Amino acid sequence: MRNRTWLAALALTGCALMTAGCKAGDTASPAASSSGGAMTAAKSTSAADEVIAAADKLRTTRYKFSTDGGGFAVQGAADPANKVVTMDAAMGMTVLMVDGQIYLKLPANLPGAGALGGDGKWLHVDAAKFAAGKLGIQDPGDPGGAYNNLKGATSVQKVSDKHYKGTLDLTKTPAFAGNSKLGSTLGDSAKAVPFEATVDDNGYLSSMDTTMTVNGTPIKQHTTFSDFGTKVTVAKPAPSEVTEAPESIYGAVGA
């Protein structure tokens, strides 16, 4: 059914928002000073440490984000401290996370939307049955997955002052562990996903490019983070505007 295919594809969009940190092979920026002839080496900071720190800053501020590639365009805003996320995703679906609850609104023209409750109301999704990562939100405190994924990189190089590149091992991320379909879809390529990242003048992660191999086909994704400190207002839908999601929606993406 087309609605099942559409929801499964959206889960891949969430996977593509993932990004990475590192071990051997990092470039470093060592610093040293001398006093009275004695040399004292300051703790070096690796390229991985720098880019992870830039992603970590996203977890402490409000911002907007967007991802484009693989036939999908995703736009959203996040307030990680309050665990609030709003996202407009594939084919016009809207996702809200507020007060620990997940809500979906399906576009009226989605094939099979009627069977999923797509009658103009919000679908309330049982978070106990359905990981938010399957909707493209890795964690309300890290919605794009940048921090968690940048902790799992196998290599990071500093190309220039604000530009980094390397390889991610997505199998080390919480999002991968929480979605059984990703392993079969990405295969061994999930262990070596090329990425490039940039940091802005204030030390925030500002962009991430990845190339994932989905069923043998390279898929490029470009994600940006912007408008840091922007106000994010998300209202919880009124009870009269909400209906419980049917069981079929959980099976559609392997919940």
Protein backbone atom coordinates (compact mmCIF):
# COMPACT_ATOMS: atom_id res chain seq x y z
CA MET A 1 0.00 0.00 0.00
CA ARG A 2 1.26 3.47 -0.82
CA ASN A 3 0.62 4.83 2.66
CA ARG A 4 2.87 2.16 4.19
CA THR A 5 5.63 2.87 1.69
CA TRP A 6 5.36 6.59 2.41
CA LEU A 7 5.68 6.16 6.17
CA ALA A 8 8.63 3.81 5.81
CA ALA A 9 10.36 6.30 3.54
CA LEU A 10 9.86 9.00 6.15
CA ALA A 11 11.72 6.86 8.65
CA LEU A 12 14.70 6.89 6.29
CA THR A 13 14.53 10.68 6.21
CA GLY A 14 14.96 10.63 9.95
CA CYS A 15 17.93 8.32 9.62
CA ALA A 16 19.54 10.69 7.13
CA LEU A 17 19.42 13.49 9.68
CA MET A 18 22.01 11.57 11.70
CA THR A 19 25.60 12.90 12.08
CA ALA A 20 29.04 12.08 14.26
CA GLY A 21 32.81 12.01 16.98
CA CYS A 22 36.11 10.15 16.60
CA LYS A 23 39.10 8.06 17.58
CA ALA A 24 42.41 7.41 15.80
CA GLY A 25 43.17 9.58 12.81
CA ASP A 26 41.77 12.82 14.26
CA THR A 27 43.67 15.97 13.52
CA ALA A 28 44.57 17.94 16.62
CA SER A 29 45.35 21.50 17.59
CA PRO A 30 47.98 21.15 20.35
CA ALA A 31 49.03 24.15 22.41
CA ALA A 32 52.07 24.56 24.62
CA SER A 33 53.63 27.27 26.77
CA SER A 34 56.89 27.60 28.61
CA SER A 35 57.72 29.25 31.90
CA GLY A 36 61.23 29.45 33.38
CA GLY A 37 62.51 26.99 30.79
CA ALA A 38 59.90 24.36 31.72
CA MET A 39 57.50 23.31 28.96
CA THR A 40 53.86 22.66 29.92
CA ALA A 41 51.63 21.10 27.26
CA ALA A 42 48.00 22.15 27.29
CA LYS A 43 45.43 19.46 26.64
CA SER A 44 45.02 19.12 22.90
CA THR A 45 41.61 19.41 21.29
CA SER A 46 40.91 17.01 18.44
CA ALA A 47 38.85 17.77 15.36
CA ALA A 48 36.26 15.35 16.70
CA ASP A 49 36.08 17.20 20.03
CA GLU A 50 35.54 20.48 18.22
CA VAL A 51 32.72 19.34 15.97
CA ILE A 52 31.02 17.41 18.79
CA ALA A 53 31.14 20.54 20.94
CA ALA A 54 29.49 22.48 18.10
CA ALA A 55 26.68 19.92 17.94
CA ASP A 56 26.39 19.90 21.73
CA LYS A 57 25.59 23.63 21.62
CA LEU A 58 22.44 22.79 19.65
CA ARG A 59 21.15 20.96 22.71
CA THR A 60 21.11 24.17 24.76
CA THR A 61 19.45 26.66 22.42
CA ARG A 62 16.36 27.05 20.24
CA TYR A 63 16.89 26.88 16.49
CA LYS A 64 15.47 26.04 13.08
CA PHE A 65 16.61 23.13 10.92
CA SER A 66 16.03 21.83 7.41
CA THR A 67 17.07 18.75 5.45
CA ASP A 68 16.90 18.21 1.72
CA GLY A 69 17.85 15.19 -0.37
CA GLY A 70 16.75 11.76 -1.42
CA GLY A 71 13.47 13.17 -2.69
CA PHE A 72 12.50 14.56 0.72
CA ALA A 73 12.49 18.06 2.19
CA VAL A 74 12.10 18.51 5.94
CA GLN A 75 11.80 21.79 7.83
CA GLY A 76 11.35 22.32 11.52
CA ALA A 77 12.17 24.13 14.75
CA ALA A 78 13.34 22.83 18.10
CA ASP A 79 13.48 23.90 21.73
CA PRO A 80 15.61 21.09 23.18
CA ALA A 81 15.56 22.36 26.77
CA ASN A 82 11.77 22.08 26.84
CA LYS A 83 11.71 18.98 24.59
CA VAL A 84 9.54 20.70 22.00
CA VAL A 85 9.85 19.98 18.27
CA THR A 86 7.74 20.89 15.26
CA MET A 87 8.53 19.45 11.83
CA ASP A 88 6.97 19.56 8.37
CA ALA A 89 8.08 16.45 6.54
CA ALA A 90 7.51 14.27 3.50
CA MET A 91 4.39 14.87 1.42
CA GLY A 92 3.05 17.51 3.79
CA MET A 93 2.96 15.57 7.05
CA THR A 94 3.39 17.59 10.26
CA VAL A 95 4.96 16.17 13.42
CA LEU A 96 4.69 17.77 16.87
CA MET A 97 6.41 16.73 20.06
CA VAL A 98 5.19 18.63 23.12
CA ASP A 99 4.67 17.73 26.79
CA GLY A 100 6.20 14.31 26.09
CA GLN A 101 3.50 13.52 23.53
CA ILE A 102 3.76 12.86 19.77
CA TYR A 103 1.14 14.13 17.31
CA LEU A 104 0.92 13.63 13.53
CA LYS A 105 -1.20 15.34 10.95
CA LEU A 106 -1.43 13.62 7.57
CA PRO A 107 -2.10 15.52 4.32
CA ALA A 108 -5.62 15.10 3.01
CA ASN A 109 -4.37 13.94 -0.41
CA LEU A 110 -2.21 11.13 1.01
CA PRO A 111 -3.29 7.81 -0.54
CA GLY A 112 -4.74 5.67 2.23
CA ALA A 113 -4.92 8.58 4.69
CA GLY A 114 -8.51 7.77 5.53
CA ALA A 115 -7.54 4.33 6.83
CA LEU A 116 -4.94 5.96 9.08
CA GLY A 117 -7.30 8.57 10.45
CA GLY A 118 -6.24 11.30 8.06
CA ASP A 119 -9.52 13.20 8.33
CA GLY A 120 -8.00 16.54 9.22
CA LYS A 121 -7.44 15.69 12.88
CA TRP A 122 -4.18 15.18 14.71
CA LEU A 123 -3.21 11.57 15.36
CA HIS A 124 -1.99 10.99 18.89
CA VAL A 125 0.82 8.41 18.76
CA ASP A 126 1.54 6.17 21.73
CA ALA A 127 5.20 6.87 22.48
CA ALA A 128 5.46 3.52 24.27
CA LYS A 129 4.75 1.76 20.96
CA PHE A 130 6.47 4.10 18.55
CA ALA A 131 9.97 5.54 18.75
CA ALA A 132 10.08 9.17 17.66
CA GLY A 133 13.17 8.40 15.58
CA LYS A 134 10.95 6.56 13.12
CA LEU A 135 9.34 9.91 12.31
CA GLY A 136 12.63 11.67 11.68
CA ILE A 137 13.10 12.99 15.22
CA GLN A 138 15.97 11.22 16.94
CA ASP A 139 15.39 12.76 20.38
CA PRO A 140 13.48 15.92 21.41
CA GLY A 141 16.70 17.13 23.03
CA ASP A 142 18.68 16.36 19.87
CA PRO A 143 16.03 16.22 17.11
CA GLY A 144 18.39 16.03 14.18
CA GLY A 145 20.58 13.46 15.91
CA ALA A 146 23.67 15.59 15.29
CA TYR A 147 25.18 15.23 18.75
CA ASN A 148 24.58 11.50 19.18
CA ASN A 149 25.77 10.74 15.68
CA LEU A 150 28.86 12.91 15.90
CA LYS A 151 29.87 10.90 18.96
CA GLY A 152 29.99 7.77 16.81
CA ALA A 153 32.30 8.88 14.02
CA THR A 154 35.24 6.66 13.15
CA SER A 155 37.30 9.53 11.69
CA VAL A 156 37.18 13.33 11.69
CA GLN A 157 39.51 15.72 9.88
CA LYS A 158 39.63 19.51 10.14
CA VAL A 159 39.63 20.84 6.58
CA SER A 160 39.74 24.52 7.58
CA ASP A 161 38.85 26.76 10.51
CA LYS A 162 35.11 25.98 10.31
CA HIS A 163 34.96 22.96 8.03
CA TYR A 164 35.23 19.29 9.00
CA LYS A 165 34.84 15.96 7.23
CA GLY A 166 34.98 12.34 8.20
CA THR A 167 33.12 9.03 8.43
CA LEU A 168 30.21 8.05 10.66
CA ASP A 169 29.29 4.67 12.09
CA LEU A 170 25.53 4.98 12.44
CA THR A 171 25.24 1.53 14.02
CA LYS A 172 26.58 3.09 17.23
CA THR A 173 23.70 5.56 17.53
CA PRO A 174 20.54 5.26 19.66
CA ALA A 175 18.39 5.94 16.58
CA PHE A 176 19.84 2.95 14.75
CA ALA A 177 19.37 0.67 17.73
CA GLY A 178 15.75 1.79 18.02
CA ASN A 179 14.76 1.09 14.41
CA SER A 180 15.10 -2.51 13.26
CA LYS A 181 14.43 -1.61 9.62
CA LEU A 182 17.51 0.58 9.25
CA GLY A 183 19.91 -2.34 9.46
CA SER A 184 18.34 -4.19 6.57
CA THR A 185 17.95 -1.02 4.50
CA LEU A 186 21.45 0.40 4.97
CA GLY A 187 23.43 -2.80 5.45
CA ASP A 188 27.16 -2.52 6.13
CA SER A 189 27.20 0.97 4.58
CA ALA A 190 25.80 2.29 7.87
CA LYS A 191 29.24 1.71 9.41
CA ALA A 192 30.98 4.08 6.99
CA VAL A 193 28.83 7.10 6.09
CA PRO A 194 30.86 10.03 4.71
CA PHE A 195 29.99 13.43 6.16
CA GLU A 196 31.06 17.07 6.02
CA ALA A 197 30.13 19.67 8.62
CA THR A 198 30.52 23.40 9.11
CA VAL A 199 30.48 25.57 12.24
CA ASP A 200 29.40 29.22 12.41
CA ASP A 201 31.21 32.18 13.98
CA ASN A 202 29.61 31.50 17.37
CA GLY A 203 30.62 27.85 17.46
CA TYR A 204 27.26 26.32 16.54
CA LEU A 205 27.03 23.43 14.11
CA SER A 206 25.57 25.13 11.02
CA SER A 207 25.44 22.42 8.36
CA MET A 208 25.89 18.70 7.83
CA ASP A 209 26.17 16.81 4.55
CA THR A 210 26.00 13.03 4.45
CA THR A 211 26.03 10.39 1.72
CA MET A 212 24.12 7.28 2.71
CA THR A 213 23.75 4.13 0.67
CA VAL A 214 20.10 3.03 0.70
CA ASN A 215 19.44 -0.35 -0.90
CA GLY A 216 22.64 0.09 -2.90
CA THR A 217 21.87 3.63 -4.09
CA PRO A 218 23.90 6.64 -2.81
CA ILE A 219 21.60 9.26 -1.28
CA LYS A 220 23.00 12.72 -0.49
CA GLN A 221 21.42 14.77 2.29
CA HIS A 222 22.07 18.40 3.20
CA THR A 223 21.01 19.64 6.65
CA THR A 224 21.25 23.19 7.97
CA PHE A 225 20.85 24.61 11.48
CA SER A 226 20.04 28.31 11.82
CA ASP A 227 18.18 31.10 13.67
CA PHE A 228 19.78 30.19 16.99
CA GLY A 229 17.80 31.57 19.93
CA THR A 230 14.65 31.92 17.84
CA LYS A 231 11.33 31.61 19.69
CA VAL A 232 9.69 28.21 19.18
CA THR A 233 5.99 28.19 19.95
CA VAL A 234 4.18 24.86 19.76
CA ALA A 235 0.64 24.56 21.07
CA LYS A 236 -0.68 21.20 22.16
CA PRO A 237 -3.69 20.33 19.95
CA ALA A 238 -7.08 20.68 21.60
CA PRO A 239 -8.74 17.36 22.55
CA SER A 240 -11.47 17.99 19.98
CA GLU A 241 -8.80 18.11 17.25
CA VAL A 242 -7.13 14.83 18.24
CA THR A 243 -7.89 11.17 17.58
CA GLU A 244 -5.85 8.14 18.61
CA ALA A 245 -3.61 6.70 15.90
CA PRO A 246 -4.80 3.30 14.61
CA GLU A 247 -2.70 0.18 15.17
CA SER A 248 -1.92 0.06 11.44
CA ILE A 249 0.30 3.11 11.67
CA TYR A 250 2.68 1.32 14.07
CA GLY A 251 3.09 -1.68 11.83
CA ALA A 252 3.68 0.56 8.81
CA VAL A 253 7.16 1.47 10.02
CA GLY A 254 7.98 -1.57 12.11
CA ALA A 255 7.21 -0.09 15.50
